[in-house]
Amino acid sequence: MGLQLIEFAAWARNRKIVASLLVTVTLAIGIVIGTVASGRVGASHPASASDATPLAIPDPVQLSSAFASM
């Protein structure tokens, strides 16, 4: 594996334009895939569960005094 990495680094040094183009094309493909995948996410639709109850948040003063008593 190390020899292959050294050979790839030498190839990239000799062909900087090709290596730069390869990186740019790879990033562009990733951006396109990310855009298409995020467009099909259905998590933005409202939930059908109407029995949800809000969480009770405790008073921060009581929490800090409880920590101090420890």
C-alpha atoms as a PDB file:
ATOM      1  CA  MET A   1       0.000   0.000   0.000  1.00  0.00           C
ATOM      2  CA  GLY A   2       2.841   2.411   0.793  1.00  0.00           C
ATOM      3  CA  LEU A   3       4.475   1.873  -2.589  1.00  0.00           C
ATOM      4  CA  GLN A   4       1.209   2.601  -4.385  1.00  0.00           C
ATOM      5  CA  LEU A   5       0.823   5.849  -2.442  1.00  0.00           C
ATOM      6  CA  ILE A   6       4.358   6.924  -3.325  1.00  0.00           C
ATOM      7  CA  GLU A   7       3.729   6.137  -6.990  1.00  0.00           C
ATOM      8  CA  PHE A   8       0.473   8.121  -6.930  1.00  0.00           C
ATOM      9  CA  ALA A   9       2.233  11.102  -5.304  1.00  0.00           C
ATOM     10  CA  ALA A  10       4.925  11.014  -7.997  1.00  0.00           C
ATOM     11  CA  TRP A  11       2.263  10.808 -10.709  1.00  0.00           C
ATOM     12  CA  ALA A  12       0.412  13.775  -9.209  1.00  0.00           C
ATOM     13  CA  ARG A  13       3.622  15.820  -9.005  1.00  0.00           C
ATOM     14  CA  ASN A  14       4.368  15.165 -12.665  1.00  0.00           C
ATOM     15  CA  ARG A  15       0.811  15.839 -13.827  1.00  0.00           C
ATOM     16  CA  LYS A  16      -0.462  18.685 -11.634  1.00  0.00           C
ATOM     17  CA  ILE A  17      -3.085  19.838 -14.097  1.00  0.00           C
ATOM     18  CA  VAL A  18      -4.582  16.365 -14.442  1.00  0.00           C
ATOM     19  CA  ALA A  19      -4.515  15.856 -10.671  1.00  0.00           C
ATOM     20  CA  SER A  20      -6.163  19.250 -10.073  1.00  0.00           C
ATOM     21  CA  LEU A  21      -8.836  18.433 -12.637  1.00  0.00           C
ATOM     22  CA  LEU A  22      -9.435  15.062 -10.970  1.00  0.00           C
ATOM     23  CA  VAL A  23      -9.908  16.716  -7.567  1.00  0.00           C
ATOM     24  CA  THR A  24     -12.210  19.364  -9.029  1.00  0.00           C
ATOM     25  CA  VAL A  25     -14.375  16.805 -10.829  1.00  0.00           C
ATOM     26  CA  THR A  26     -14.601  14.686  -7.666  1.00  0.00           C
ATOM     27  CA  LEU A  27     -15.719  17.683  -5.606  1.00  0.00           C
ATOM     28  CA  ALA A  28     -18.262  18.702  -8.248  1.00  0.00           C
ATOM     29  CA  ILE A  29     -19.738  15.197  -8.308  1.00  0.00           C
ATOM     30  CA  GLY A  30     -19.989  15.263  -4.505  1.00  0.00           C
ATOM     31  CA  ILE A  31     -21.784  18.620  -4.575  1.00  0.00           C
ATOM     32  CA  VAL A  32     -24.245  17.383  -7.181  1.00  0.00           C
ATOM     33  CA  ILE A  33     -24.941  14.188  -5.225  1.00  0.00           C
ATOM     34  CA  GLY A  34     -25.423  16.186  -2.032  1.00  0.00           C
ATOM     35  CA  THR A  35     -27.834  18.549  -3.727  1.00  0.00           C
ATOM     36  CA  VAL A  36     -29.898  15.762  -5.275  1.00  0.00           C
ATOM     37  CA  ALA A  37     -29.965  13.719  -2.059  1.00  0.00           C
ATOM     38  CA  SER A  38     -31.033  16.668   0.104  1.00  0.00           C
ATOM     39  CA  GLY A  39     -33.842  17.514  -2.316  1.00  0.00           C
ATOM     40  CA  ARG A  40     -35.493  14.147  -1.738  1.00  0.00           C
ATOM     41  CA  VAL A  41     -35.470  14.175   2.068  1.00  0.00           C
ATOM     42  CA  GLY A  42     -39.007  13.942   3.448  1.00  0.00           C
ATOM     43  CA  ALA A  43     -38.255  15.018   7.018  1.00  0.00           C
ATOM     44  CA  SER A  44     -39.683  18.491   6.476  1.00  0.00           C
ATOM     45  CA  HIS A  45     -43.270  17.218   6.378  1.00  0.00           C
ATOM     46  CA  PRO A  46     -45.256  17.777   9.572  1.00  0.00           C
ATOM     47  CA  ALA A  47     -45.615  14.815  11.892  1.00  0.00           C
ATOM     48  CA  SER A  48     -49.011  13.191  12.240  1.00  0.00           C
ATOM     49  CA  ALA A  49     -48.654  12.514  15.983  1.00  0.00           C
ATOM     50  CA  SER A  50     -50.946  14.969  17.797  1.00  0.00           C
ATOM     51  CA  ASP A  51     -50.424  13.484  21.283  1.00  0.00           C
ATOM     52  CA  ALA A  52     -46.931  14.956  21.681  1.00  0.00           C
ATOM     53  CA  THR A  53     -46.363  16.807  24.955  1.00  0.00           C
ATOM     54  CA  PRO A  54     -43.748  19.515  25.392  1.00  0.00           C
ATOM     55  CA  LEU A  55     -40.765  18.810  27.614  1.00  0.00           C
ATOM     56  CA  ALA A  56     -40.627  20.377  31.062  1.00  0.00           C
ATOM     57  CA  ILE A  57     -37.411  22.360  31.474  1.00  0.00           C
ATOM     58  CA  PRO A  58     -36.277  22.630  35.114  1.00  0.00           C
ATOM     59  CA  ASP A  59     -35.312  25.958  36.645  1.00  0.00           C
ATOM     60  CA  PRO A  60     -31.571  26.623  36.162  1.00  0.00           C
ATOM     61  CA  VAL A  61     -31.229  28.133  39.662  1.00  0.00           C
ATOM     62  CA  GLN A  62     -32.401  24.897  41.271  1.00  0.00           C
ATOM     63  CA  LEU A  63     -30.030  22.891  39.118  1.00  0.00           C
ATOM     64  CA  SER A  64     -27.008  25.016  40.050  1.00  0.00           C
ATOM     65  CA  SER A  65     -27.809  24.849  43.763  1.00  0.00           C
ATOM     66  CA  ALA A  66     -28.202  21.068  43.537  1.00  0.00           C
ATOM     67  CA  PHE A  67     -24.795  20.807  41.899  1.00  0.00           C
ATOM     68  CA  ALA A  68     -23.233  23.036  44.586  1.00  0.00           C
ATOM     69  CA  SER A  69     -24.625  20.852  47.355  1.00  0.00           C
ATOM     70  CA  MET A  70     -22.809  17.831  45.951  1.00  0.00           C
END
